[in-house]
Amino acid sequence: QVQLVESGGGLVQAGGSLRLSCVASRSAFGIDSAGWYRQAPGKQCELVAGITSDGRTDYGDSVKDRFTISRDNAKNTVYLQMNSLKPEDTGVYYCHATLLRGGVRYLDYWGQGTQVTVSS
């Protein structure tokens, strides 16, 4: 069984930074494409950032110029660097990915979520 494992969330003051990590729990699996989503209390889940297998990126309008998504294929890891954090960035952040093993893609894996809280 393979899982996505998220880490890096926490409590930070407005203007601060955090880096989230998402890693496949088994080294035999690589991350093909991936995205970070977040859900604030009482709100719908929204796309924060996405990255393709060849490194193309996309960002939600609310995080452009502040967040950066990246990947390290050797470590089976996708990162989300979050700078200039605002209270409205508060929420549970989820990693979503297509995994790859032996040339076969496995769609729609989700991490357990990591809480990000930004204080004013």
Protein backbone atom coordinates (compact mmCIF):
# COMPACT_ATOMS: atom_id res chain seq x y z
CA GLN A 1 0.00 0.00 0.00
CA VAL A 2 1.30 3.45 -0.90
CA GLN A 3 0.27 6.74 0.68
CA LEU A 4 1.02 10.42 0.34
CA VAL A 5 2.50 11.81 3.53
CA GLU A 6 2.31 15.55 4.19
CA SER A 7 4.29 17.58 6.68
CA GLY A 8 5.40 21.12 7.42
CA GLY A 9 2.23 22.78 8.62
CA GLY A 10 2.06 24.82 11.77
CA LEU A 11 1.34 28.17 13.33
CA VAL A 12 3.03 31.23 11.88
CA GLN A 13 2.61 34.99 12.15
CA ALA A 14 1.39 37.03 9.22
CA GLY A 15 4.28 37.77 6.89
CA GLY A 16 6.09 34.58 7.83
CA SER A 17 6.93 31.49 5.82
CA LEU A 18 6.35 27.75 5.84
CA ARG A 19 7.40 24.92 3.57
CA LEU A 20 5.08 21.97 3.09
CA SER A 21 6.28 18.58 1.89
CA CYS A 22 4.43 15.74 0.19
CA VAL A 23 6.16 12.41 -0.26
CA ALA A 24 5.12 8.99 -1.54
CA SER A 25 5.49 6.49 1.28
CA ARG A 26 7.11 3.84 -0.91
CA SER A 27 10.28 4.56 -2.85
CA ALA A 28 9.14 2.37 -5.74
CA PHE A 29 6.53 5.03 -6.54
CA GLY A 30 7.33 8.33 -8.12
CA ILE A 31 5.11 11.38 -8.19
CA ASP A 32 3.96 12.18 -11.70
CA SER A 33 1.82 15.31 -11.48
CA ALA A 34 0.79 16.87 -8.19
CA GLY A 35 -1.09 19.72 -6.66
CA TRP A 36 -1.70 21.40 -3.37
CA TYR A 37 -5.26 22.17 -2.30
CA ARG A 38 -6.55 23.88 0.79
CA GLN A 39 -9.82 24.04 2.65
CA ALA A 40 -10.68 26.74 5.14
CA PRO A 41 -13.41 26.16 7.73
CA GLY A 42 -16.83 26.31 6.10
CA LYS A 43 -15.40 26.81 2.63
CA GLN A 44 -14.89 24.70 -0.47
CA CYS A 45 -11.58 23.13 -1.29
CA GLU A 46 -9.53 25.25 -3.69
CA LEU A 47 -6.48 24.66 -5.83
CA VAL A 48 -3.40 26.42 -4.49
CA ALA A 49 -0.72 25.23 -6.90
CA GLY A 50 -0.01 22.42 -9.33
CA ILE A 51 3.04 20.95 -11.01
CA THR A 52 3.33 18.57 -13.95
CA SER A 53 5.83 15.78 -14.45
CA ASP A 54 7.98 18.05 -16.62
CA GLY A 55 7.95 20.93 -14.16
CA ARG A 56 5.24 23.23 -15.49
CA THR A 57 3.46 25.06 -12.70
CA ASP A 58 0.18 26.80 -12.10
CA TYR A 59 -1.08 28.84 -9.15
CA GLY A 60 -4.33 30.04 -7.74
CA ASP A 61 -4.85 33.77 -8.08
CA SER A 62 -4.75 34.37 -4.34
CA VAL A 63 -1.23 32.93 -3.93
CA LYS A 64 0.56 34.09 -7.06
CA ASP A 65 3.88 35.80 -6.34
CA ARG A 66 3.89 34.42 -2.79
CA PHE A 67 3.90 30.61 -3.09
CA THR A 68 6.19 28.34 -5.08
CA ILE A 69 5.59 24.68 -5.90
CA SER A 70 8.60 22.52 -6.72
CA ARG A 71 9.67 18.90 -6.86
CA ASP A 72 12.63 16.66 -6.12
CA ASN A 73 12.14 13.46 -8.08
CA ALA A 74 15.06 11.69 -6.40
CA LYS A 75 13.26 12.07 -3.08
CA ASN A 76 9.75 11.41 -4.43
CA THR A 77 8.78 14.73 -2.90
CA VAL A 78 6.76 17.79 -3.89
CA TYR A 79 7.13 21.02 -1.94
CA LEU A 80 5.09 24.13 -1.41
CA GLN A 81 7.10 27.13 -0.26
CA MET A 82 4.75 29.69 1.25
CA ASN A 83 6.02 33.21 1.83
CA SER A 84 4.34 36.41 2.98
CA LEU A 85 1.61 34.41 4.63
CA LYS A 86 -1.71 36.06 5.37
CA PRO A 87 -4.45 35.09 7.83
CA GLU A 88 -6.67 34.17 4.88
CA ASP A 89 -4.15 31.45 3.97
CA THR A 90 -5.26 29.54 7.06
CA GLY A 91 -6.68 26.10 6.34
CA VAL A 92 -5.94 22.43 5.92
CA TYR A 93 -3.57 21.85 3.02
CA TYR A 94 -3.84 18.62 1.06
CA CYS A 95 -1.45 17.08 -1.42
CA HIS A 96 -3.03 15.42 -4.45
CA ALA A 97 -0.98 13.39 -6.89
CA THR A 98 -0.80 10.89 -9.68
CA LEU A 99 1.77 8.26 -8.78
CA LEU A 100 3.96 6.32 -11.15
CA ARG A 101 5.43 2.83 -10.80
CA GLY A 102 6.91 0.73 -13.54
CA GLY A 103 5.37 2.93 -16.21
CA VAL A 104 1.87 2.61 -14.75
CA ARG A 105 0.06 5.69 -13.45
CA TYR A 106 -2.15 5.59 -10.39
CA LEU A 107 -4.56 8.51 -10.17
CA ASP A 108 -6.20 10.46 -7.37
CA TYR A 109 -4.08 9.91 -4.32
CA TRP A 110 -4.64 12.35 -1.47
CA GLY A 111 -2.60 13.09 1.60
CA GLN A 112 -4.10 13.29 5.06
CA GLY A 113 -3.79 17.07 5.22
CA THR A 114 -1.62 19.38 7.27
CA GLN A 115 -2.94 22.37 9.21
CA VAL A 116 -1.63 25.84 8.43
CA THR A 117 -2.65 28.63 10.77
CA VAL A 118 -1.59 32.23 10.16
CA SER A 119 -2.13 34.68 12.98
CA SER A 120 -2.56 38.42 12.56
